[in-house]
């Protein structure tokens, strides 16, 4: 699976607002803030919410540390999606968050 650093993603967001980000953290984690524009689908809900994810786009997966998003990315890749994992997760995210 491809990977992207939080810094690389922040740079991409400055020049392209058409990036699909999927945050797989739990509701209480996202309440503290998420990357603006990110779609929130908790990891446990991913299998039943696949219909909400466009197969024709690349998706950047995000969680707290990069582990759950990696698992989510593997799951989505196995179902034919093109995904990139943000390594380091929100623990390493230094840019804007939206509550």
PDB file of N, CA and C in Angstrom:
ATOM      1  N   UNK A   1       0.845  -1.184   0.000  1.00  0.00           N
ATOM      2  CA  UNK A   1       0.000   0.000   0.000  1.00  0.00           C
ATOM      3  C   UNK A   1       0.887   1.244   0.000  1.00  0.00           C
ATOM      4  N   UNK A   2       0.469   2.219  -0.783  1.00  0.00           N
ATOM      5  CA  UNK A   2       1.210   3.479  -0.824  1.00  0.00           C
ATOM      6  C   UNK A   2       1.019   4.229   0.490  1.00  0.00           C
ATOM      7  N   UNK A   3       1.987   5.078   0.801  1.00  0.00           N
ATOM      8  CA  UNK A   3       1.920   5.875   2.030  1.00  0.00           C
ATOM      9  C   UNK A   3       2.188   7.339   1.721  1.00  0.00           C
ATOM     10  N   UNK A   4       1.677   8.195   2.599  1.00  0.00           N
ATOM     11  CA  UNK A   4       1.911   9.628   2.506  1.00  0.00           C
ATOM     12  C   UNK A   4       2.153  10.147   3.919  1.00  0.00           C
ATOM     13  N   UNK A   5       3.042  11.108   4.049  1.00  0.00           N
ATOM     14  CA  UNK A   5       3.289  11.691   5.370  1.00  0.00           C
ATOM     15  C   UNK A   5       2.265  12.794   5.625  1.00  0.00           C
ATOM     16  N   UNK A   6       2.036  13.137   6.883  1.00  0.00           N
ATOM     17  CA  UNK A   6       1.129  14.253   7.185  1.00  0.00           C
ATOM     18  C   UNK A   6       1.565  15.549   6.499  1.00  0.00           C
ATOM     19  N   UNK A   7       2.869  15.780   6.432  1.00  0.00           N
ATOM     20  CA  UNK A   7       3.377  16.996   5.787  1.00  0.00           C
ATOM     21  C   UNK A   7       3.067  17.002   4.294  1.00  0.00           C
ATOM     22  N   UNK A   8       3.249  15.849   3.641  1.00  0.00           N
ATOM     23  CA  UNK A   8       2.947  15.752   2.205  1.00  0.00           C
ATOM     24  C   UNK A   8       1.464  15.986   1.950  1.00  0.00           C
ATOM     25  N   UNK A   9       0.612  15.414   2.803  1.00  0.00           N
ATOM     26  CA  UNK A   9      -0.826  15.612   2.640  1.00  0.00           C
ATOM     27  C   UNK A   9      -1.195  17.075   2.844  1.00  0.00           C
ATOM     28  N   UNK A  10      -0.629  17.706   3.850  1.00  0.00           N
ATOM     29  CA  UNK A  10      -0.917  19.122   4.100  1.00  0.00           C
ATOM     30  C   UNK A  10      -0.538  19.966   2.886  1.00  0.00           C
ATOM     31  N   UNK A  11       0.605  19.662   2.271  1.00  0.00           N
ATOM     32  CA  UNK A  11       1.028  20.393   1.069  1.00  0.00           C
ATOM     33  C   UNK A  11       0.059  20.164  -0.085  1.00  0.00           C
ATOM     34  N   UNK A  12      -0.378  18.915  -0.269  1.00  0.00           N
ATOM     35  CA  UNK A  12      -1.334  18.608  -1.343  1.00  0.00           C
ATOM     36  C   UNK A  12      -2.648  19.358  -1.137  1.00  0.00           C
ATOM     37  N   UNK A  13      -3.097  19.443   0.105  1.00  0.00           N
ATOM     38  CA  UNK A  13      -4.366  20.117   0.390  1.00  0.00           C
ATOM     39  C   UNK A  13      -4.300  21.613   0.090  1.00  0.00           C
ATOM     40  N   UNK A  14      -3.110  22.182   0.145  1.00  0.00           N
ATOM     41  CA  UNK A  14      -2.962  23.612  -0.154  1.00  0.00           C
ATOM     42  C   UNK A  14      -3.158  23.903  -1.637  1.00  0.00           C
ATOM     43  N   UNK A  15      -2.906  22.905  -2.490  1.00  0.00           N
ATOM     44  CA  UNK A  15      -3.001  23.124  -3.934  1.00  0.00           C
ATOM     45  C   UNK A  15      -4.142  22.360  -4.594  1.00  0.00           C
ATOM     46  N   UNK A  16      -4.788  21.463  -3.865  1.00  0.00           N
ATOM     47  CA  UNK A  16      -5.845  20.638  -4.452  1.00  0.00           C
ATOM     48  C   UNK A  16      -6.901  20.353  -3.391  1.00  0.00           C
ATOM     49  N   UNK A  17      -8.098  20.903  -3.583  1.00  0.00           N
ATOM     50  CA  UNK A  17      -9.160  20.671  -2.597  1.00  0.00           C
ATOM     51  C   UNK A  17     -10.054  19.496  -2.979  1.00  0.00           C
ATOM     52  N   UNK A  18      -9.665  18.743  -4.003  1.00  0.00           N
ATOM     53  CA  UNK A  18     -10.464  17.608  -4.458  1.00  0.00           C
ATOM     54  C   UNK A  18      -9.813  16.288  -4.040  1.00  0.00           C
ATOM     55  N   UNK A  19      -9.317  16.243  -2.822  1.00  0.00           N
ATOM     56  CA  UNK A  19      -8.668  15.045  -2.291  1.00  0.00           C
ATOM     57  C   UNK A  19      -9.651  14.333  -1.367  1.00  0.00           C
ATOM     58  N   UNK A  20      -9.789  13.028  -1.556  1.00  0.00           N
ATOM     59  CA  UNK A  20     -10.685  12.240  -0.709  1.00  0.00           C
ATOM     60  C   UNK A  20      -9.907  11.696   0.485  1.00  0.00           C
ATOM     61  N   UNK A  21     -10.316  12.126   1.678  1.00  0.00           N
ATOM     62  CA  UNK A  21      -9.701  11.665   2.923  1.00  0.00           C
ATOM     63  C   UNK A  21     -10.776  10.936   3.717  1.00  0.00           C
ATOM     64  N   UNK A  22     -10.450   9.741   4.184  1.00  0.00           N
ATOM     65  CA  UNK A  22     -11.382   8.971   5.008  1.00  0.00           C
ATOM     66  C   UNK A  22     -10.744   8.763   6.378  1.00  0.00           C
ATOM     67  N   UNK A  23     -11.401   9.273   7.409  1.00  0.00           N
ATOM     68  CA  UNK A  23     -10.932   9.180   8.795  1.00  0.00           C
ATOM     69  C   UNK A  23     -11.651   8.012   9.455  1.00  0.00           C
ATOM     70  N   UNK A  24     -10.900   6.989   9.871  1.00  0.00           N
ATOM     71  CA  UNK A  24     -11.508   5.771  10.418  1.00  0.00           C
ATOM     72  C   UNK A  24     -11.470   5.713  11.944  1.00  0.00           C
ATOM     73  N   UNK A  25     -11.192   6.848  12.591  1.00  0.00           N
ATOM     74  CA  UNK A  25     -11.198   6.868  14.059  1.00  0.00           C
ATOM     75  C   UNK A  25     -12.630   6.766  14.583  1.00  0.00           C
ATOM     76  N   UNK A  26     -12.740   6.533  15.877  1.00  0.00           N
ATOM     77  CA  UNK A  26     -14.047   6.447  16.529  1.00  0.00           C
ATOM     78  C   UNK A  26     -14.643   7.841  16.707  1.00  0.00           C
ATOM     79  N   UNK A  27     -15.957   7.886  16.938  1.00  0.00           N
ATOM     80  CA  UNK A  27     -16.681   9.156  17.065  1.00  0.00           C
ATOM     81  C   UNK A  27     -16.053  10.076  18.115  1.00  0.00           C
ATOM     82  N   UNK A  28     -15.700   9.524  19.279  1.00  0.00           N
ATOM     83  CA  UNK A  28     -15.159  10.369  20.348  1.00  0.00           C
ATOM     84  C   UNK A  28     -13.778  10.931  19.987  1.00  0.00           C
ATOM     85  N   UNK A  29     -13.024  10.225  19.151  1.00  0.00           N
ATOM     86  CA  UNK A  29     -11.727  10.741  18.710  1.00  0.00           C
ATOM     87  C   UNK A  29     -11.907  11.887  17.713  1.00  0.00           C
ATOM     88  N   UNK A  30     -12.818  11.715  16.787  1.00  0.00           N
ATOM     89  CA  UNK A  30     -13.070  12.729  15.757  1.00  0.00           C
ATOM     90  C   UNK A  30     -13.653  13.995  16.378  1.00  0.00           C
ATOM     91  N   UNK A  31     -14.331  13.866  17.512  1.00  0.00           N
ATOM     92  CA  UNK A  31     -14.905  15.032  18.192  1.00  0.00           C
ATOM     93  C   UNK A  31     -13.823  16.043  18.581  1.00  0.00           C
ATOM     94  N   UNK A  32     -12.582  15.585  18.718  1.00  0.00           N
ATOM     95  CA  UNK A  32     -11.469  16.483  19.060  1.00  0.00           C
ATOM     96  C   UNK A  32     -10.930  17.214  17.837  1.00  0.00           C
ATOM     97  N   UNK A  33     -11.394  16.822  16.666  1.00  0.00           N
ATOM     98  CA  UNK A  33     -10.982  17.487  15.435  1.00  0.00           C
ATOM     99  C   UNK A  33     -10.541  16.506  14.371  1.00  0.00           C
ATOM    100  N   UNK A  34     -10.821  16.869  13.114  1.00  0.00           N
ATOM    101  CA  UNK A  34     -10.388  16.058  11.979  1.00  0.00           C
ATOM    102  C   UNK A  34      -9.884  16.982  10.885  1.00  0.00           C
ATOM    103  N   UNK A  35      -9.232  16.409   9.911  1.00  0.00           N
ATOM    104  CA  UNK A  35      -8.733  17.188   8.784  1.00  0.00           C
ATOM    105  C   UNK A  35      -9.939  17.755   8.042  1.00  0.00           C
ATOM    106  N   UNK A  36      -9.957  19.053   7.771  1.00  0.00           N
ATOM    107  CA  UNK A  36     -11.106  19.648   7.066  1.00  0.00           C
ATOM    108  C   UNK A  36     -11.393  18.916   5.753  1.00  0.00           C
ATOM    109  N   UNK A  37     -12.661  18.576   5.556  1.00  0.00           N
ATOM    110  CA  UNK A  37     -13.076  17.881   4.341  1.00  0.00           C
ATOM    111  C   UNK A  37     -13.023  16.370   4.431  1.00  0.00           C
ATOM    112  N   UNK A  38     -12.443  15.827   5.507  1.00  0.00           N
ATOM    113  CA  UNK A  38     -12.351  14.373   5.645  1.00  0.00           C
ATOM    114  C   UNK A  38     -13.729  13.777   5.904  1.00  0.00           C
ATOM    115  N   UNK A  39     -13.958  12.604   5.314  1.00  0.00           N
ATOM    116  CA  UNK A  39     -15.194  11.857   5.555  1.00  0.00           C
ATOM    117  C   UNK A  39     -14.933  10.925   6.732  1.00  0.00           C
ATOM    118  N   UNK A  40     -15.839  10.905   7.699  1.00  0.00           N
ATOM    119  CA  UNK A  40     -15.666  10.070   8.886  1.00  0.00           C
ATOM    120  C   UNK A  40     -16.439   8.771   8.724  1.00  0.00           C
ATOM    121  N   UNK A  41     -15.705   7.665   8.663  1.00  0.00           N
ATOM    122  CA  UNK A  41     -16.298   6.328   8.665  1.00  0.00           C
ATOM    123  C   UNK A  41     -15.487   5.496   9.656  1.00  0.00           C
ATOM    124  N   UNK A  42     -15.995   5.273  10.881  1.00  0.00           N
ATOM    125  CA  UNK A  42     -15.244   4.467  11.851  1.00  0.00           C
ATOM    126  C   UNK A  42     -14.885   3.097  11.272  1.00  0.00           C
ATOM    127  N   UNK A  43     -13.718   2.599  11.626  1.00  0.00           N
ATOM    128  CA  UNK A  43     -13.219   1.338  11.086  1.00  0.00           C
ATOM    129  C   UNK A  43     -14.255   0.219  11.178  1.00  0.00           C
ATOM    130  N   UNK A  44     -14.931   0.093  12.310  1.00  0.00           N
ATOM    131  CA  UNK A  44     -15.915  -0.973  12.488  1.00  0.00           C
ATOM    132  C   UNK A  44     -17.126  -0.861  11.580  1.00  0.00           C
ATOM    133  N   UNK A  45     -17.383   0.331  11.041  1.00  0.00           N
ATOM    134  CA  UNK A  45     -18.528   0.543  10.150  1.00  0.00           C
ATOM    135  C   UNK A  45     -18.153   0.427   8.678  1.00  0.00           C
ATOM    136  N   UNK A  46     -16.874   0.298   8.395  1.00  0.00           N
ATOM    137  CA  UNK A  46     -16.402   0.316   7.011  1.00  0.00           C
ATOM    138  C   UNK A  46     -17.066  -0.739   6.117  1.00  0.00           C
ATOM    139  N   UNK A  47     -17.168  -2.008   6.550  1.00  0.00           N
ATOM    140  CA  UNK A  47     -17.759  -3.007   5.652  1.00  0.00           C
ATOM    141  C   UNK A  47     -19.175  -2.672   5.188  1.00  0.00           C
ATOM    142  N   UNK A  48     -20.008  -2.138   6.071  1.00  0.00           N
ATOM    143  CA  UNK A  48     -21.387  -1.844   5.671  1.00  0.00           C
ATOM    144  C   UNK A  48     -21.539  -0.474   5.013  1.00  0.00           C
ATOM    145  N   UNK A  49     -20.463   0.296   4.944  1.00  0.00           N
ATOM    146  CA  UNK A  49     -20.551   1.637   4.345  1.00  0.00           C
ATOM    147  C   UNK A  49     -19.716   1.778   3.069  1.00  0.00           C
ATOM    148  N   UNK A  50     -19.331   0.651   2.485  1.00  0.00           N
ATOM    149  CA  UNK A  50     -18.537   0.684   1.253  1.00  0.00           C
ATOM    150  C   UNK A  50     -19.229   1.465   0.140  1.00  0.00           C
ATOM    151  N   UNK A  51     -20.560   1.425   0.124  1.00  0.00           N
ATOM    152  CA  UNK A  51     -21.310   2.123  -0.933  1.00  0.00           C
ATOM    153  C   UNK A  51     -21.119   3.636  -0.880  1.00  0.00           C
ATOM    154  N   UNK A  52     -20.587   4.159   0.218  1.00  0.00           N
ATOM    155  CA  UNK A  52     -20.349   5.602   0.352  1.00  0.00           C
ATOM    156  C   UNK A  52     -18.991   6.021  -0.216  1.00  0.00           C
ATOM    157  N   UNK A  53     -18.194   5.043  -0.628  1.00  0.00           N
ATOM    158  CA  UNK A  53     -16.830   5.324  -1.081  1.00  0.00           C
ATOM    159  C   UNK A  53     -16.743   5.097  -2.590  1.00  0.00           C
ATOM    160  N   UNK A  54     -16.326   6.128  -3.309  1.00  0.00           N
ATOM    161  CA  UNK A  54     -16.228   6.094  -4.767  1.00  0.00           C
ATOM    162  C   UNK A  54     -15.035   5.235  -5.195  1.00  0.00           C
ATOM    163  N   UNK A  55     -15.311   4.177  -5.954  1.00  0.00           N
ATOM    164  CA  UNK A  55     -14.249   3.292  -6.442  1.00  0.00           C
ATOM    165  C   UNK A  55     -13.350   3.958  -7.484  1.00  0.00           C
ATOM    166  N   UNK A  56     -13.806   5.042  -8.068  1.00  0.00           N
ATOM    167  CA  UNK A  56     -13.072   5.686  -9.153  1.00  0.00           C
ATOM    168  C   UNK A  56     -12.129   6.787  -8.678  1.00  0.00           C
ATOM    169  N   UNK A  57     -11.941   6.893  -7.373  1.00  0.00           N
ATOM    170  CA  UNK A  57     -11.047   7.920  -6.817  1.00  0.00           C
ATOM    171  C   UNK A  57      -9.987   7.274  -5.943  1.00  0.00           C
ATOM    172  N   UNK A  58      -8.893   7.981  -5.749  1.00  0.00           N
ATOM    173  CA  UNK A  58      -7.898   7.597  -4.747  1.00  0.00           C
ATOM    174  C   UNK A  58      -8.385   8.127  -3.405  1.00  0.00           C
ATOM    175  N   UNK A  59      -8.140   7.382  -2.351  1.00  0.00           N
ATOM    176  CA  UNK A  59      -8.567   7.791  -1.016  1.00  0.00           C
ATOM    177  C   UNK A  59      -7.374   7.739  -0.067  1.00  0.00           C
ATOM    178  N   UNK A  60      -7.233   8.781   0.743  1.00  0.00           N
ATOM    179  CA  UNK A  60      -6.184   8.812   1.760  1.00  0.00           C
ATOM    180  C   UNK A  60      -6.819   8.436   3.092  1.00  0.00           C
ATOM    181  N   UNK A  61      -6.283   7.391   3.705  1.00  0.00           N
ATOM    182  CA  UNK A  61      -6.833   6.859   4.942  1.00  0.00           C
ATOM    183  C   UNK A  61      -6.102   7.466   6.138  1.00  0.00           C
ATOM    184  N   UNK A  62      -6.888   7.849   7.165  1.00  0.00           N
ATOM    185  CA  UNK A  62      -6.339   8.527   8.343  1.00  0.00           C
ATOM    186  C   UNK A  62      -6.918   7.911   9.617  1.00  0.00           C
ATOM    187  N   UNK A  63      -6.080   7.784  10.645  1.00  0.00           N
ATOM    188  CA  UNK A  63      -6.545   7.417  11.990  1.00  0.00           C
ATOM    189  C   UNK A  63      -5.662   8.157  12.996  1.00  0.00           C
ATOM    190  N   UNK A  64      -5.630   7.699  14.224  1.00  0.00           N
ATOM    191  CA  UNK A  64      -4.843   8.380  15.255  1.00  0.00           C
ATOM    192  C   UNK A  64      -3.342   8.227  15.011  1.00  0.00           C
ATOM    193  N   UNK A  65      -2.892   6.985  14.723  1.00  0.00           N
ATOM    194  CA  UNK A  65      -1.451   6.740  14.618  1.00  0.00           C
ATOM    195  C   UNK A  65      -1.000   6.168  13.276  1.00  0.00           C
ATOM    196  N   UNK A  66      -1.935   5.718  12.463  1.00  0.00           N
ATOM    197  CA  UNK A  66      -1.594   5.105  11.180  1.00  0.00           C
ATOM    198  C   UNK A  66      -1.843   3.612  11.131  1.00  0.00           C
ATOM    199  N   UNK A  67      -2.115   2.984  12.283  1.00  0.00           N
ATOM    200  CA  UNK A  67      -2.344   1.536  12.308  1.00  0.00           C
ATOM    201  C   UNK A  67      -3.726   1.154  11.793  1.00  0.00           C
ATOM    202  N   UNK A  68      -4.771   1.738  12.364  1.00  0.00           N
ATOM    203  CA  UNK A  68      -6.130   1.406  11.915  1.00  0.00           C
ATOM    204  C   UNK A  68      -6.346   1.808  10.464  1.00  0.00           C
ATOM    205  N   UNK A  69      -5.796   2.963  10.085  1.00  0.00           N
ATOM    206  CA  UNK A  69      -5.960   3.395   8.695  1.00  0.00           C
ATOM    207  C   UNK A  69      -5.244   2.431   7.750  1.00  0.00           C
ATOM    208  N   UNK A  70      -4.131   1.853   8.200  1.00  0.00           N
ATOM    209  CA  UNK A  70      -3.454   0.832   7.401  1.00  0.00           C
ATOM    210  C   UNK A  70      -4.319  -0.401   7.231  1.00  0.00           C
ATOM    211  N   UNK A  71      -4.966  -0.828   8.320  1.00  0.00           N
ATOM    212  CA  UNK A  71      -5.884  -1.973   8.244  1.00  0.00           C
ATOM    213  C   UNK A  71      -7.062  -1.662   7.333  1.00  0.00           C
ATOM    214  N   UNK A  72      -7.605  -0.454   7.466  1.00  0.00           N
ATOM    215  CA  UNK A  72      -8.726  -0.042   6.616  1.00  0.00           C
ATOM    216  C   UNK A  72      -8.295  -0.013   5.157  1.00  0.00           C
ATOM    217  N   UNK A  73      -7.091   0.482   4.908  1.00  0.00           N
ATOM    218  CA  UNK A  73      -6.576   0.532   3.543  1.00  0.00           C
ATOM    219  C   UNK A  73      -6.419  -0.848   2.939  1.00  0.00           C
ATOM    220  N   UNK A  74      -5.912  -1.800   3.718  1.00  0.00           N
ATOM    221  CA  UNK A  74      -5.781  -3.176   3.228  1.00  0.00           C
ATOM    222  C   UNK A  74      -7.147  -3.755   2.894  1.00  0.00           C
ATOM    223  N   UNK A  75      -8.131  -3.504   3.752  1.00  0.00           N
ATOM    224  CA  UNK A  75      -9.493  -3.976   3.515  1.00  0.00           C
ATOM    225  C   UNK A  75     -10.040  -3.385   2.218  1.00  0.00           C
ATOM    226  N   UNK A  76      -9.879  -2.068   2.050  1.00  0.00           N
ATOM    227  CA  UNK A  76     -10.398  -1.415   0.848  1.00  0.00           C
ATOM    228  C   UNK A  76      -9.660  -1.875  -0.404  1.00  0.00           C
ATOM    229  N   UNK A  77      -8.345  -2.040  -0.320  1.00  0.00           N
ATOM    230  CA  UNK A  77      -7.588  -2.546  -1.474  1.00  0.00           C
ATOM    231  C   UNK A  77      -8.091  -3.924  -1.883  1.00  0.00           C
ATOM    232  N   UNK A  78      -8.394  -4.773  -0.909  1.00  0.00           N
ATOM    233  CA  UNK A  78      -8.906  -6.111  -1.201  1.00  0.00           C
ATOM    234  C   UNK A  78     -10.264  -6.062  -1.893  1.00  0.00           C
ATOM    235  N   UNK A  79     -10.965  -4.937  -1.744  1.00  0.00           N
ATOM    236  CA  UNK A  79     -12.267  -4.757  -2.384  1.00  0.00           C
ATOM    237  C   UNK A  79     -12.179  -3.867  -3.622  1.00  0.00           C
ATOM    238  N   UNK A  80     -10.973  -3.669  -4.129  1.00  0.00           N
ATOM    239  CA  UNK A  80     -10.796  -2.976  -5.396  1.00  0.00           C
ATOM    240  C   UNK A  80     -10.642  -1.468  -5.339  1.00  0.00           C
ATOM    241  N   UNK A  81     -10.398  -0.916  -4.157  1.00  0.00           N
ATOM    242  CA  UNK A  81     -10.230   0.532  -4.016  1.00  0.00           C
ATOM    243  C   UNK A  81      -8.751   0.900  -4.082  1.00  0.00           C
ATOM    244  N   UNK A  82      -8.462   2.118  -4.531  1.00  0.00           N
ATOM    245  CA  UNK A  82      -7.097   2.640  -4.586  1.00  0.00           C
ATOM    246  C   UNK A  82      -6.904   3.561  -3.382  1.00  0.00           C
ATOM    247  N   UNK A  83      -6.038   3.159  -2.462  1.00  0.00           N
ATOM    248  CA  UNK A  83      -5.892   3.907  -1.208  1.00  0.00           C
ATOM    249  C   UNK A  83      -4.430   4.210  -0.889  1.00  0.00           C
ATOM    250  N   UNK A  84      -4.248   5.229  -0.067  1.00  0.00           N
ATOM    251  CA  UNK A  84      -2.940   5.648   0.429  1.00  0.00           C
ATOM    252  C   UNK A  84      -3.093   5.832   1.940  1.00  0.00           C
ATOM    253  N   UNK A  85      -2.158   5.306   2.714  1.00  0.00           N
ATOM    254  CA  UNK A  85      -2.224   5.441   4.170  1.00  0.00           C
ATOM    255  C   UNK A  85      -1.385   6.629   4.630  1.00  0.00           C
ATOM    256  N   UNK A  86      -1.975   7.491   5.483  1.00  0.00           N
ATOM    257  CA  UNK A  86      -1.209   8.581   6.079  1.00  0.00           C
ATOM    258  C   UNK A  86      -0.461   8.030   7.294  1.00  0.00           C
ATOM    259  N   UNK A  87       0.853   7.879   7.154  1.00  0.00           N
ATOM    260  CA  UNK A  87       1.671   7.332   8.237  1.00  0.00           C
ATOM    261  C   UNK A  87       1.780   8.348   9.375  1.00  0.00           C
ATOM    262  N   UNK A  88       1.784   7.840  10.588  1.00  0.00           N
ATOM    263  CA  UNK A  88       1.882   8.726  11.753  1.00  0.00           C
ATOM    264  C   UNK A  88       0.544   9.220  12.252  1.00  0.00           C
ATOM    265  N   UNK A  89      -0.463   9.178  11.388  1.00  0.00           N
ATOM    266  CA  UNK A  89      -1.820   9.545  11.776  1.00  0.00           C
ATOM    267  C   UNK A  89      -1.955  10.960  12.308  1.00  0.00           C
ATOM    268  N   UNK A  90      -3.056  11.183  13.007  1.00  0.00           N
ATOM    269  CA  UNK A  90      -3.359  12.510  13.544  1.00  0.00           C
ATOM    270  C   UNK A  90      -2.379  12.921  14.640  1.00  0.00           C
ATOM    271  N   UNK A  91      -1.679  11.954  15.230  1.00  0.00           N
ATOM    272  CA  UNK A  91      -0.653  12.295  16.222  1.00  0.00           C
ATOM    273  C   UNK A  91       0.442  13.156  15.593  1.00  0.00           C
ATOM    274  N   UNK A  92       0.675  12.966  14.292  1.00  0.00           N
ATOM    275  CA  UNK A  92       1.723  13.707  13.583  1.00  0.00           C
ATOM    276  C   UNK A  92       1.176  14.877  12.767  1.00  0.00           C
ATOM    277  N   UNK A  93      -0.145  15.021  12.699  1.00  0.00           N
ATOM    278  CA  UNK A  93      -0.767  16.086  11.898  1.00  0.00           C
ATOM    279  C   UNK A  93      -0.567  17.424  12.595  1.00  0.00           C
ATOM    280  N   UNK A  94       0.069  18.365  11.917  1.00  0.00           N
ATOM    281  CA  UNK A  94       0.368  19.673  12.510  1.00  0.00           C
ATOM    282  C   UNK A  94      -0.486  20.787  11.917  1.00  0.00           C
ATOM    283  N   UNK A  95      -1.259  20.484  10.882  1.00  0.00           N
ATOM    284  CA  UNK A  95      -2.046  21.510  10.202  1.00  0.00           C
ATOM    285  C   UNK A  95      -3.420  21.668  10.854  1.00  0.00           C
ATOM    286  N   UNK A  96      -4.283  22.371  10.147  1.00  0.00           N
ATOM    287  CA  UNK A  96      -5.620  22.716  10.636  1.00  0.00           C
ATOM    288  C   UNK A  96      -6.471  21.476  10.917  1.00  0.00           C
ATOM    289  N   UNK A  97      -7.290  21.563  11.955  1.00  0.00           N
ATOM    290  CA  UNK A  97      -8.309  20.554  12.227  1.00  0.00           C
ATOM    291  C   UNK A  97      -9.650  21.260  12.365  1.00  0.00           C
ATOM    292  N   UNK A  98     -10.707  20.514  12.055  1.00  0.00           N
ATOM    293  CA  UNK A  98     -12.058  21.060  12.150  1.00  0.00           C
ATOM    294  C   UNK A  98     -12.827  20.234  13.163  1.00  0.00           C
ATOM    295  N   UNK A  99     -13.497  20.919  14.088  1.00  0.00           N
ATOM    296  CA  UNK A  99     -14.289  20.206  15.103  1.00  0.00           C
ATOM    297  C   UNK A  99     -15.741  20.165  14.707  1.00  0.00           C
TER     298      UNK A  99
END
